[in-house]
C-alpha cells in the first residue's frame, strides 16, 4: 500500500481489496455506538467511499510504525462516526452490503461481549474468508490438485460430514482424503498468515496477530 501512494489506480485497487471486505467490523462498531441498522449501513458506506476517494490522503497518513490496519481503521472509523452529522452524507444506503450477512451480525449484537471483541471477531472472519477464497482459487485454477467443492465442505463453520462419507462422495479412499485434508489445511494456514501479514506494519508480530485472529474467530 505504501508503494502505491503515487499510483491512484493501484492505490484504489489495493484499498478495495484490503478494506471493503472488512465492512462487518465497521458495521458492528456503528451499531454499538447507537446507530440503527440503516444508519450504520450509511456510516460504513460513506466511510468506504471516503477512503476510496482519490483526493483523500488516507495513505499519506498510514504509518507502519503505528501498528496494524485493524487498529488504524477502528480509530479512523470512530472519528468518522464522531463527525458524521457535521458533514454531508456521501454514500447511499445498501451499496455492496449483503443483507443476509447483516442479519447474522444483528444476532452477534445480541451477545453480551464488548464492542472491541465483536470488532475483532468480524475482522477475523474477513481474514478467514479472504484465505478461503485464495485456497479455493488454488484448486479451481489447477495450482493444487483436488476437488474444489471438497475444500468448502472441509472448512465450513458447522460440523463437516464424516471422513468416510466425504471420501465416498468424492471418489476417494479414506487415506486419500486424509492426505488431501492435511495438505489443504497446511496451505490454508499459509494463506491465512499471508492475509494477516498484509494488514500489518513492518515491525508488527505476524504470529501474535494470527493468534488474535484465530482466538477471535473461535470466540
Protein backbone atom coordinates (compact mmCIF):
# COMPACT_ATOMS: atom_id res chain seq x y z
CA UNK A 1 0.00 0.00 0.00
CA UNK A 2 2.85 2.38 0.78
CA UNK A 3 4.39 1.79 -2.63
CA UNK A 4 1.06 2.71 -4.26
CA UNK A 5 0.92 6.24 -2.86
CA UNK A 6 1.97 7.73 -6.21
CA UNK A 7 -0.28 5.49 -8.34
CA UNK A 8 -4.00 6.39 -7.92
CA UNK A 9 -5.32 3.34 -9.80
CA UNK A 10 -3.17 0.84 -7.91
CA UNK A 11 -3.94 2.65 -4.68
CA UNK A 12 -7.68 2.33 -5.22
CA UNK A 13 -7.39 -1.35 -6.19
CA UNK A 14 -5.41 -2.15 -3.04
CA UNK A 15 -7.83 -0.30 -0.80
CA UNK A 16 -10.75 -2.12 -2.44
CA UNK A 17 -9.00 -5.44 -1.82
CA UNK A 18 -7.99 -4.80 1.78
CA UNK A 19 -10.65 -2.51 3.21
CA UNK A 20 -14.01 -3.13 1.52
CA UNK A 21 -14.24 -6.84 2.55
CA UNK A 22 -13.82 -5.68 6.15
CA UNK A 23 -17.14 -3.82 6.36
CA UNK A 24 -18.53 -6.15 9.05
CA UNK A 25 -16.37 -4.91 11.94
CA UNK A 26 -17.15 -1.33 10.95
CA UNK A 27 -20.88 -2.05 10.83
CA UNK A 28 -20.73 -3.59 14.31
CA UNK A 29 -18.87 -0.54 15.64
CA UNK A 30 -21.54 1.76 14.24
CA UNK A 31 -24.34 -0.31 15.76
CA UNK A 32 -22.59 -0.45 19.14
CA UNK A 33 -22.25 3.34 19.00
CA UNK A 34 -26.03 3.68 18.92
CA UNK A 35 -26.88 3.82 15.21
CA UNK A 36 -29.78 1.77 13.92
CA UNK A 37 -29.18 -0.77 11.14
CA UNK A 38 -29.91 1.61 8.25
CA UNK A 39 -27.82 4.45 9.72
CA UNK A 40 -24.95 2.07 10.46
CA UNK A 41 -25.09 0.92 6.84
CA UNK A 42 -24.94 4.57 5.72
CA UNK A 43 -21.98 5.26 8.00
CA UNK A 44 -19.96 2.31 6.72
CA UNK A 45 -20.62 3.09 3.07
CA UNK A 46 -19.74 6.77 3.45
CA UNK A 47 -16.54 5.82 5.25
CA UNK A 48 -15.54 3.40 2.49
CA UNK A 49 -16.31 5.97 -0.20
CA UNK A 50 -14.19 8.49 1.67
CA UNK A 51 -11.25 6.08 1.86
CA UNK A 52 -11.53 5.28 -1.84
CA UNK A 53 -11.74 8.95 -2.86
CA UNK A 54 -8.62 9.70 -4.95
CA UNK A 55 -8.36 13.10 -3.25
CA UNK A 56 -8.29 11.57 0.22
CA UNK A 57 -4.89 11.39 1.91
CA UNK A 58 -5.52 8.08 3.69
CA UNK A 59 -2.26 6.52 2.53
CA UNK A 60 -0.30 9.67 3.33
CA UNK A 61 -1.34 9.22 6.97
CA UNK A 62 -0.70 5.48 7.03
CA UNK A 63 2.43 4.81 9.08
CA UNK A 64 3.52 1.16 9.50
CA UNK A 65 5.27 2.08 12.74
CA UNK A 66 1.91 2.93 14.32
CA UNK A 67 0.51 -0.59 14.20
CA UNK A 68 -1.96 -2.73 12.31
CA UNK A 69 -4.57 -1.82 9.74
CA UNK A 70 -7.13 -3.36 12.12
CA UNK A 71 -6.36 -0.81 14.82
CA UNK A 72 -5.96 2.08 12.38
CA UNK A 73 -9.36 1.51 10.76
CA UNK A 74 -11.04 1.21 14.15
CA UNK A 75 -9.73 4.62 15.19
CA UNK A 76 -10.40 6.21 11.81
CA UNK A 77 -13.98 4.92 11.72
CA UNK A 78 -14.68 6.09 15.26
CA UNK A 79 -13.52 9.56 14.20
CA UNK A 80 -15.77 9.28 11.16
CA UNK A 81 -18.74 8.45 13.39
CA UNK A 82 -17.96 11.36 15.70
CA UNK A 83 -18.09 13.79 12.78
CA UNK A 84 -20.77 12.04 10.73
CA UNK A 85 -23.52 14.57 11.23
CA UNK A 86 -21.22 17.56 10.69
CA UNK A 87 -20.65 16.89 7.02
CA UNK A 88 -22.72 15.90 4.03
CA UNK A 89 -23.58 12.23 3.54
CA UNK A 90 -21.50 10.83 0.62
CA UNK A 91 -22.94 7.33 0.11
CA UNK A 92 -26.30 5.68 -0.44
CA UNK A 93 -27.55 3.03 1.93
CA UNK A 94 -27.08 -0.63 0.96
CA UNK A 95 -24.29 -0.27 -1.63
CA UNK A 96 -22.42 -3.54 -1.57
CA UNK A 97 -23.80 -4.79 1.75
CA UNK A 98 -25.20 -8.31 1.75
CA UNK A 99 -28.32 -8.24 3.88
CA UNK A 100 -28.09 -11.90 4.85
CA UNK A 101 -24.78 -11.04 6.47
CA UNK A 102 -26.32 -8.00 8.16
CA UNK A 103 -28.95 -10.27 9.70
CA UNK A 104 -26.22 -12.51 11.09
CA UNK A 105 -24.41 -9.50 12.54
CA UNK A 106 -27.60 -8.38 14.24
CA UNK A 107 -27.59 -11.73 16.05
CA UNK A 108 -23.98 -11.07 17.14
CA UNK A 109 -25.09 -7.74 18.62
CA UNK A 110 -27.41 -9.56 20.99
CA UNK A 111 -24.42 -11.22 22.67
CA UNK A 112 -23.01 -9.67 25.87
CA UNK A 113 -19.44 -9.34 24.58
CA UNK A 114 -17.68 -5.99 24.26
CA UNK A 115 -17.65 -3.85 21.14
CA UNK A 116 -13.91 -4.48 20.72
CA UNK A 117 -14.47 -8.25 20.87
CA UNK A 118 -17.21 -8.01 18.23
CA UNK A 119 -14.99 -5.87 16.02
CA UNK A 120 -12.09 -8.33 16.30
CA UNK A 121 -14.36 -11.30 15.54
CA UNK A 122 -15.70 -9.66 12.39
CA UNK A 123 -12.16 -8.68 11.38
CA UNK A 124 -11.06 -12.29 11.85
CA UNK A 125 -13.96 -13.52 9.74
CA UNK A 126 -12.83 -11.27 6.88
CA UNK A 127 -9.31 -12.73 7.07
CA UNK A 128 -10.72 -16.26 7.12
CA UNK A 129 -12.90 -15.61 4.07
CA UNK A 130 -10.03 -13.99 2.21
CA UNK A 131 -7.81 -17.02 2.85
CA UNK A 132 -10.64 -19.39 1.87
CA UNK A 133 -11.19 -17.56 -1.41
CA UNK A 134 -7.47 -17.85 -2.19
CA UNK A 135 -7.44 -21.55 -1.26
CA UNK A 136 -10.46 -22.34 -3.44
CA UNK A 137 -8.80 -20.43 -6.30
CA UNK A 138 -5.71 -22.64 -5.94
CA UNK A 139 -7.84 -25.72 -6.57
CA UNK A 140 -10.11 -24.14 -9.18
CA UNK A 141 -7.23 -22.94 -11.38
CA UNK A 142 -5.26 -26.19 -11.09
CA UNK A 143 -2.44 -24.82 -8.96
CA UNK A 144 -3.31 -27.58 -6.48
CA UNK A 145 -4.87 -30.95 -7.27
CA UNK A 146 -8.23 -31.98 -5.87
CA UNK A 147 -11.96 -31.15 -5.98
CA UNK A 148 -12.67 -27.53 -5.11
CA UNK A 149 -16.07 -28.46 -3.66
CA UNK A 150 -14.39 -30.58 -1.02
CA UNK A 151 -12.42 -27.58 0.18
CA UNK A 152 -15.59 -25.69 1.06
CA UNK A 153 -17.00 -28.64 2.98
CA UNK A 154 -13.83 -29.15 4.99
CA UNK A 155 -13.68 -25.55 6.16
CA UNK A 156 -17.38 -25.00 6.87
CA UNK A 157 -18.13 -23.46 10.26
CA UNK A 158 -20.75 -26.06 11.02
CA UNK A 159 -19.87 -29.73 11.52
CA UNK A 160 -18.30 -31.36 8.46
CA UNK A 161 -19.52 -34.81 7.35
CA UNK A 162 -17.61 -37.89 8.49
CA UNK A 163 -14.48 -38.74 6.52
CA UNK A 164 -15.98 -41.98 5.20
CA UNK A 165 -18.99 -40.10 3.84
CA UNK A 166 -16.83 -37.41 2.23
CA UNK A 167 -14.43 -39.94 0.72
CA UNK A 168 -17.31 -41.87 -0.86
CA UNK A 169 -18.90 -38.70 -2.20
CA UNK A 170 -15.69 -37.54 -3.91
CA UNK A 171 -14.50 -40.94 -5.10
CA UNK A 172 -11.56 -41.20 -2.69
CA UNK A 173 -10.34 -43.70 -0.19
CA UNK A 174 -10.23 -42.52 3.43
CA UNK A 175 -6.38 -42.41 3.39
CA UNK A 176 -6.52 -40.29 0.21
CA UNK A 177 -9.00 -37.95 1.86
CA UNK A 178 -6.83 -37.60 4.97
CA UNK A 179 -3.84 -36.73 2.79
CA UNK A 180 -5.93 -34.13 0.95
CA UNK A 181 -7.13 -32.65 4.26
CA UNK A 182 -3.58 -32.40 5.60
CA UNK A 183 -2.31 -30.58 2.50
CA UNK A 184 -5.36 -28.29 2.27
CA UNK A 185 -5.16 -27.25 5.93
CA UNK A 186 -1.43 -26.61 5.70
CA UNK A 187 -1.96 -24.41 2.63
CA UNK A 188 -4.86 -22.62 4.33
CA UNK A 189 -2.66 -21.75 7.32
CA UNK A 190 -0.07 -20.31 4.93
CA UNK A 191 -2.69 -18.21 3.14
CA UNK A 192 -4.27 -17.02 6.38
CA UNK A 193 -0.86 -15.93 7.63
CA UNK A 194 -0.31 -14.01 4.38
CA UNK A 195 -3.70 -12.30 4.71
CA UNK A 196 -2.89 -11.26 8.26
CA UNK A 197 0.60 -10.05 7.29
CA UNK A 198 -0.92 -7.81 4.60
CA UNK A 199 -2.68 -5.78 7.30
CA UNK A 200 0.37 -5.18 9.50
CA UNK A 201 3.20 -2.70 9.63
CA UNK A 202 6.82 -3.61 9.02
CA UNK A 203 7.70 -4.32 12.65
CA UNK A 204 4.46 -5.98 13.74
CA UNK A 205 4.46 -9.56 15.06
CA UNK A 206 2.62 -11.61 12.43
CA UNK A 207 2.30 -14.72 14.58
CA UNK A 208 0.89 -12.75 17.52
CA UNK A 209 -1.71 -11.11 15.25
CA UNK A 210 -2.52 -14.50 13.73
CA UNK A 211 -3.17 -15.91 17.20
CA UNK A 212 -5.51 -12.99 17.92
CA UNK A 213 -7.40 -13.67 14.68
CA UNK A 214 -7.81 -17.37 15.48
CA UNK A 215 -8.88 -16.66 19.06
CA UNK A 216 -11.38 -14.00 17.94
CA UNK A 217 -12.88 -16.33 15.36
CA UNK A 218 -13.31 -19.08 17.96
CA UNK A 219 -15.00 -16.78 20.49
